[in-house]
């Protein structure tokens, strides 16, 4: 299943728990989904740049394990967008579950 369309929501969710660098975002998505959702770095960074341009996240530099890394944190606008997208996702997934005959 293609998760590219839901990736901005997942990134915003991960960043809602605290700032992360790109690899840590990928790792959190993979681990949090029990390995079901894997994201390639080449897919992640264009979405991070788009979220940053839209003012939903902001980038900053931080030294992690002696290396300078570009990290990202959620903005207030990003938190509002996360709430909006999460509500939309719940509504969408409930409708799909209804059609498939599963529980909501």
N, C-alpha and C. Protein backbone atom coordinates (compact mmCIF):
# COMPACT_ATOMS: atom_id res chain seq x y z
N UNK A 1 0.84 -1.18 0.00
CA UNK A 1 0.00 0.00 0.00
C UNK A 1 0.88 1.25 0.00
N UNK A 2 0.55 2.24 -0.77
CA UNK A 2 1.32 3.47 -0.89
C UNK A 2 0.96 4.43 0.24
N UNK A 3 1.96 4.82 1.04
CA UNK A 3 1.68 5.72 2.16
C UNK A 3 2.06 7.17 1.85
N UNK A 4 2.52 7.42 0.63
CA UNK A 4 3.01 8.76 0.30
C UNK A 4 1.98 9.84 0.60
N UNK A 5 0.71 9.58 0.31
CA UNK A 5 -0.33 10.58 0.56
C UNK A 5 -0.55 10.87 2.03
N UNK A 6 -0.27 9.90 2.89
CA UNK A 6 -0.47 10.11 4.33
C UNK A 6 0.83 10.49 5.03
N UNK A 7 1.92 10.56 4.31
CA UNK A 7 3.21 10.86 4.92
C UNK A 7 3.27 12.22 5.61
N UNK A 8 2.71 13.29 5.04
CA UNK A 8 2.74 14.56 5.78
C UNK A 8 2.06 14.45 7.16
N UNK A 9 0.94 13.75 7.23
CA UNK A 9 0.26 13.54 8.51
C UNK A 9 1.16 12.78 9.47
N UNK A 10 1.81 11.74 9.00
CA UNK A 10 2.68 10.94 9.87
C UNK A 10 3.87 11.76 10.36
N UNK A 11 4.45 12.57 9.49
CA UNK A 11 5.57 13.43 9.89
C UNK A 11 5.12 14.43 10.95
N UNK A 12 3.99 15.08 10.72
CA UNK A 12 3.49 16.04 11.70
C UNK A 12 3.25 15.35 13.04
N UNK A 13 2.70 14.15 12.99
CA UNK A 13 2.45 13.41 14.24
C UNK A 13 3.75 13.11 14.97
N UNK A 14 4.75 12.60 14.25
CA UNK A 14 6.03 12.29 14.89
C UNK A 14 6.63 13.55 15.51
N UNK A 15 6.58 14.66 14.79
CA UNK A 15 7.16 15.91 15.32
C UNK A 15 6.33 16.51 16.45
N UNK A 16 5.09 16.07 16.61
CA UNK A 16 4.28 16.58 17.72
C UNK A 16 4.80 16.08 19.07
N UNK A 17 5.63 15.03 19.04
CA UNK A 17 6.20 14.50 20.28
C UNK A 17 7.58 15.07 20.57
N UNK A 18 8.10 15.89 19.66
CA UNK A 18 9.38 16.54 19.87
C UNK A 18 10.17 16.64 18.59
N UNK A 19 11.18 17.52 18.57
CA UNK A 19 12.00 17.72 17.37
C UNK A 19 12.76 16.44 16.99
N UNK A 20 13.00 16.28 15.70
CA UNK A 20 13.73 15.11 15.20
C UNK A 20 14.51 15.51 13.94
N UNK A 21 15.57 14.78 13.67
CA UNK A 21 16.25 14.89 12.38
C UNK A 21 15.62 13.87 11.44
N UNK A 22 15.91 13.98 10.16
CA UNK A 22 15.24 13.16 9.15
C UNK A 22 15.29 11.67 9.41
N UNK A 23 16.49 11.14 9.72
CA UNK A 23 16.60 9.70 9.94
C UNK A 23 15.76 9.27 11.14
N UNK A 24 15.71 10.09 12.18
CA UNK A 24 14.92 9.75 13.36
C UNK A 24 13.42 9.73 13.03
N UNK A 25 12.98 10.60 12.13
CA UNK A 25 11.58 10.60 11.69
C UNK A 25 11.28 9.28 10.97
N UNK A 26 12.17 8.88 10.05
CA UNK A 26 12.00 7.62 9.33
C UNK A 26 11.93 6.44 10.29
N UNK A 27 12.84 6.42 11.25
CA UNK A 27 12.92 5.34 12.23
C UNK A 27 11.65 5.27 13.08
N UNK A 28 11.16 6.42 13.50
CA UNK A 28 9.94 6.49 14.33
C UNK A 28 8.73 5.96 13.56
N UNK A 29 8.62 6.32 12.30
CA UNK A 29 7.49 5.84 11.48
C UNK A 29 7.58 4.33 11.31
N UNK A 30 8.77 3.84 11.03
CA UNK A 30 8.95 2.39 10.83
C UNK A 30 8.66 1.63 12.13
N UNK A 31 9.25 2.07 13.24
CA UNK A 31 9.06 1.38 14.51
C UNK A 31 7.62 1.53 15.02
N UNK A 32 7.07 2.72 14.89
CA UNK A 32 5.71 2.96 15.38
C UNK A 32 4.65 2.17 14.63
N UNK A 33 4.98 1.78 13.40
CA UNK A 33 4.03 0.99 12.60
C UNK A 33 4.40 -0.50 12.60
N UNK A 34 5.29 -0.88 13.52
CA UNK A 34 5.77 -2.27 13.62
C UNK A 34 6.34 -2.76 12.30
N UNK A 35 7.04 -1.87 11.59
CA UNK A 35 7.72 -2.22 10.36
C UNK A 35 6.86 -2.24 9.11
N UNK A 36 5.59 -1.94 9.26
CA UNK A 36 4.70 -1.98 8.10
C UNK A 36 4.95 -0.79 7.17
N UNK A 37 5.17 0.37 7.75
CA UNK A 37 5.35 1.58 6.95
C UNK A 37 6.83 1.94 6.85
N UNK A 38 7.38 1.74 5.68
CA UNK A 38 8.75 2.12 5.43
C UNK A 38 8.77 3.29 4.47
N UNK A 39 9.64 4.23 4.73
CA UNK A 39 9.72 5.45 3.91
C UNK A 39 11.15 5.62 3.44
N UNK A 40 11.33 5.86 2.17
CA UNK A 40 12.67 6.11 1.62
C UNK A 40 13.06 7.55 1.89
N UNK A 41 14.36 7.76 2.13
CA UNK A 41 14.85 9.11 2.37
C UNK A 41 14.51 10.04 1.21
N UNK A 42 14.57 9.52 -0.01
CA UNK A 42 14.26 10.33 -1.18
C UNK A 42 12.82 10.80 -1.21
N UNK A 43 11.96 10.12 -0.49
CA UNK A 43 10.55 10.52 -0.39
C UNK A 43 10.36 11.51 0.76
N UNK A 44 11.10 11.29 1.84
CA UNK A 44 10.93 12.11 3.05
C UNK A 44 11.32 13.57 2.85
N UNK A 45 12.49 13.82 2.32
CA UNK A 45 13.02 15.19 2.31
C UNK A 45 12.22 16.18 1.47
N UNK A 46 11.72 15.81 0.31
CA UNK A 46 10.86 16.77 -0.40
C UNK A 46 9.60 17.15 0.40
N UNK A 47 9.06 16.19 1.14
CA UNK A 47 7.87 16.48 1.95
C UNK A 47 8.25 17.38 3.13
N UNK A 48 9.39 17.13 3.74
CA UNK A 48 9.86 18.01 4.82
C UNK A 48 10.03 19.44 4.32
N UNK A 49 10.62 19.59 3.14
CA UNK A 49 10.82 20.93 2.57
C UNK A 49 9.47 21.60 2.28
N UNK A 50 8.52 20.85 1.78
CA UNK A 50 7.19 21.40 1.52
C UNK A 50 6.52 21.83 2.82
N UNK A 51 6.57 20.99 3.84
CA UNK A 51 5.97 21.35 5.13
C UNK A 51 6.62 22.59 5.72
N UNK A 52 7.94 22.71 5.51
CA UNK A 52 8.66 23.89 6.00
C UNK A 52 8.24 25.14 5.23
N UNK A 53 8.14 25.04 3.92
CA UNK A 53 7.71 26.20 3.10
C UNK A 53 6.30 26.65 3.47
N UNK A 54 5.46 25.70 3.86
CA UNK A 54 4.09 26.03 4.24
C UNK A 54 3.98 26.53 5.68
N UNK A 55 5.10 26.56 6.40
CA UNK A 55 5.11 27.08 7.77
C UNK A 55 4.59 26.10 8.80
N UNK A 56 4.50 24.82 8.45
CA UNK A 56 3.97 23.82 9.37
C UNK A 56 5.05 23.22 10.26
N UNK A 57 6.29 23.26 9.77
CA UNK A 57 7.44 22.85 10.57
C UNK A 57 8.54 23.88 10.36
N UNK A 58 9.51 23.88 11.26
CA UNK A 58 10.67 24.75 11.07
C UNK A 58 11.93 23.93 11.28
N UNK A 59 12.95 24.25 10.51
CA UNK A 59 14.22 23.54 10.57
C UNK A 59 15.20 24.32 11.43
N UNK A 60 16.09 23.60 12.07
CA UNK A 60 17.18 24.20 12.82
C UNK A 60 18.33 23.21 12.83
N UNK A 61 19.53 23.70 13.12
CA UNK A 61 20.69 22.81 13.15
C UNK A 61 21.03 22.47 14.59
N UNK A 62 21.44 21.22 14.79
CA UNK A 62 21.77 20.73 16.12
C UNK A 62 22.88 19.70 15.98
N UNK A 63 23.76 19.66 16.96
CA UNK A 63 24.81 18.65 16.95
C UNK A 63 24.29 17.41 17.65
N UNK A 64 24.29 16.29 16.93
CA UNK A 64 23.84 15.01 17.45
C UNK A 64 24.98 14.01 17.29
N UNK A 65 25.44 13.45 18.40
CA UNK A 65 26.56 12.49 18.38
C UNK A 65 27.77 13.07 17.65
N UNK A 66 28.05 14.34 17.88
CA UNK A 66 29.21 14.99 17.28
C UNK A 66 29.03 15.41 15.84
N UNK A 67 27.84 15.20 15.28
CA UNK A 67 27.59 15.58 13.88
C UNK A 67 26.53 16.66 13.83
N UNK A 68 26.75 17.62 12.96
CA UNK A 68 25.75 18.68 12.76
C UNK A 68 24.62 18.12 11.92
N UNK A 69 23.41 18.21 12.44
CA UNK A 69 22.24 17.66 11.73
C UNK A 69 21.18 18.75 11.58
N UNK A 70 20.43 18.62 10.51
CA UNK A 70 19.28 19.49 10.28
C UNK A 70 18.10 18.80 10.96
N UNK A 71 17.50 19.48 11.92
CA UNK A 71 16.38 18.93 12.67
C UNK A 71 15.13 19.75 12.36
N UNK A 72 14.00 19.19 12.72
CA UNK A 72 12.71 19.80 12.42
C UNK A 72 11.83 19.78 13.66
N UNK A 73 11.04 20.84 13.81
CA UNK A 73 10.07 20.89 14.90
C UNK A 73 8.75 21.44 14.37
N UNK A 74 7.69 21.05 15.03
CA UNK A 74 6.35 21.46 14.66
C UNK A 74 6.12 22.92 15.06
N UNK A 75 5.46 23.68 14.21
CA UNK A 75 5.06 25.05 14.55
C UNK A 75 3.61 25.00 15.07
N UNK A 76 3.13 26.12 15.56
CA UNK A 76 1.74 26.18 16.01
C UNK A 76 0.79 25.92 14.84
N UNK A 77 1.11 26.47 13.68
CA UNK A 77 0.30 26.20 12.48
C UNK A 77 0.34 24.71 12.14
N UNK A 78 1.49 24.07 12.35
CA UNK A 78 1.62 22.65 12.10
C UNK A 78 0.77 21.83 13.06
N UNK A 79 0.68 22.27 14.30
CA UNK A 79 -0.16 21.56 15.29
C UNK A 79 -1.63 21.64 14.89
N UNK A 80 -2.06 22.81 14.41
CA UNK A 80 -3.45 22.95 13.95
C UNK A 80 -3.71 22.07 12.72
N UNK A 81 -2.73 22.04 11.81
CA UNK A 81 -2.87 21.21 10.61
C UNK A 81 -2.88 19.73 10.97
N UNK A 82 -2.08 19.34 11.94
CA UNK A 82 -2.08 17.96 12.42
C UNK A 82 -3.47 17.59 12.94
N UNK A 83 -4.05 18.44 13.76
CA UNK A 83 -5.39 18.18 14.29
C UNK A 83 -6.41 18.03 13.16
N UNK A 84 -6.32 18.92 12.17
CA UNK A 84 -7.26 18.89 11.05
C UNK A 84 -7.10 17.60 10.24
N UNK A 85 -5.85 17.28 9.89
CA UNK A 85 -5.59 16.09 9.08
C UNK A 85 -5.92 14.80 9.83
N UNK A 86 -5.65 14.77 11.13
CA UNK A 86 -5.94 13.57 11.92
C UNK A 86 -7.45 13.33 11.97
N UNK A 87 -8.23 14.40 12.14
CA UNK A 87 -9.70 14.26 12.15
C UNK A 87 -10.19 13.77 10.78
N UNK A 88 -9.62 14.32 9.72
CA UNK A 88 -9.99 13.90 8.37
C UNK A 88 -9.63 12.43 8.15
N UNK A 89 -8.44 12.01 8.62
CA UNK A 89 -8.02 10.62 8.47
C UNK A 89 -8.96 9.68 9.22
N UNK A 90 -9.35 10.04 10.45
CA UNK A 90 -10.27 9.20 11.22
C UNK A 90 -11.60 9.05 10.50
N UNK A 91 -12.10 10.14 9.93
CA UNK A 91 -13.36 10.09 9.19
C UNK A 91 -13.22 9.20 7.95
N UNK A 92 -12.13 9.36 7.23
CA UNK A 92 -11.86 8.57 6.03
C UNK A 92 -11.72 7.08 6.37
N UNK A 93 -10.90 6.76 7.37
CA UNK A 93 -10.67 5.35 7.71
C UNK A 93 -11.94 4.70 8.25
N UNK A 94 -12.76 5.44 8.96
CA UNK A 94 -14.05 4.90 9.43
C UNK A 94 -14.93 4.54 8.22
N UNK A 95 -14.97 5.42 7.22
CA UNK A 95 -15.78 5.15 6.02
C UNK A 95 -15.27 3.92 5.29
N UNK A 96 -13.96 3.77 5.15
CA UNK A 96 -13.39 2.59 4.48
C UNK A 96 -13.73 1.34 5.28
N UNK A 97 -13.59 1.40 6.60
CA UNK A 97 -13.92 0.24 7.44
C UNK A 97 -15.38 -0.13 7.32
N UNK A 98 -16.25 0.87 7.22
CA UNK A 98 -17.66 0.58 7.04
C UNK A 98 -17.92 -0.17 5.73
N UNK A 99 -17.26 0.28 4.67
CA UNK A 99 -17.41 -0.37 3.37
C UNK A 99 -16.84 -1.79 3.36
N UNK A 100 -15.75 -1.98 4.08
CA UNK A 100 -15.12 -3.30 4.12
C UNK A 100 -15.79 -4.24 5.12
N UNK A 101 -16.73 -3.70 5.89
CA UNK A 101 -17.45 -4.53 6.85
C UNK A 101 -16.74 -4.70 8.17
N UNK A 102 -15.72 -3.87 8.41
CA UNK A 102 -14.97 -3.96 9.66
C UNK A 102 -15.50 -3.00 10.71
N UNK A 103 -14.89 -3.05 11.85
CA UNK A 103 -15.27 -2.13 12.94
C UNK A 103 -14.70 -0.76 12.67
N UNK A 104 -15.35 0.26 13.22
CA UNK A 104 -14.84 1.63 13.08
C UNK A 104 -13.87 1.86 14.15
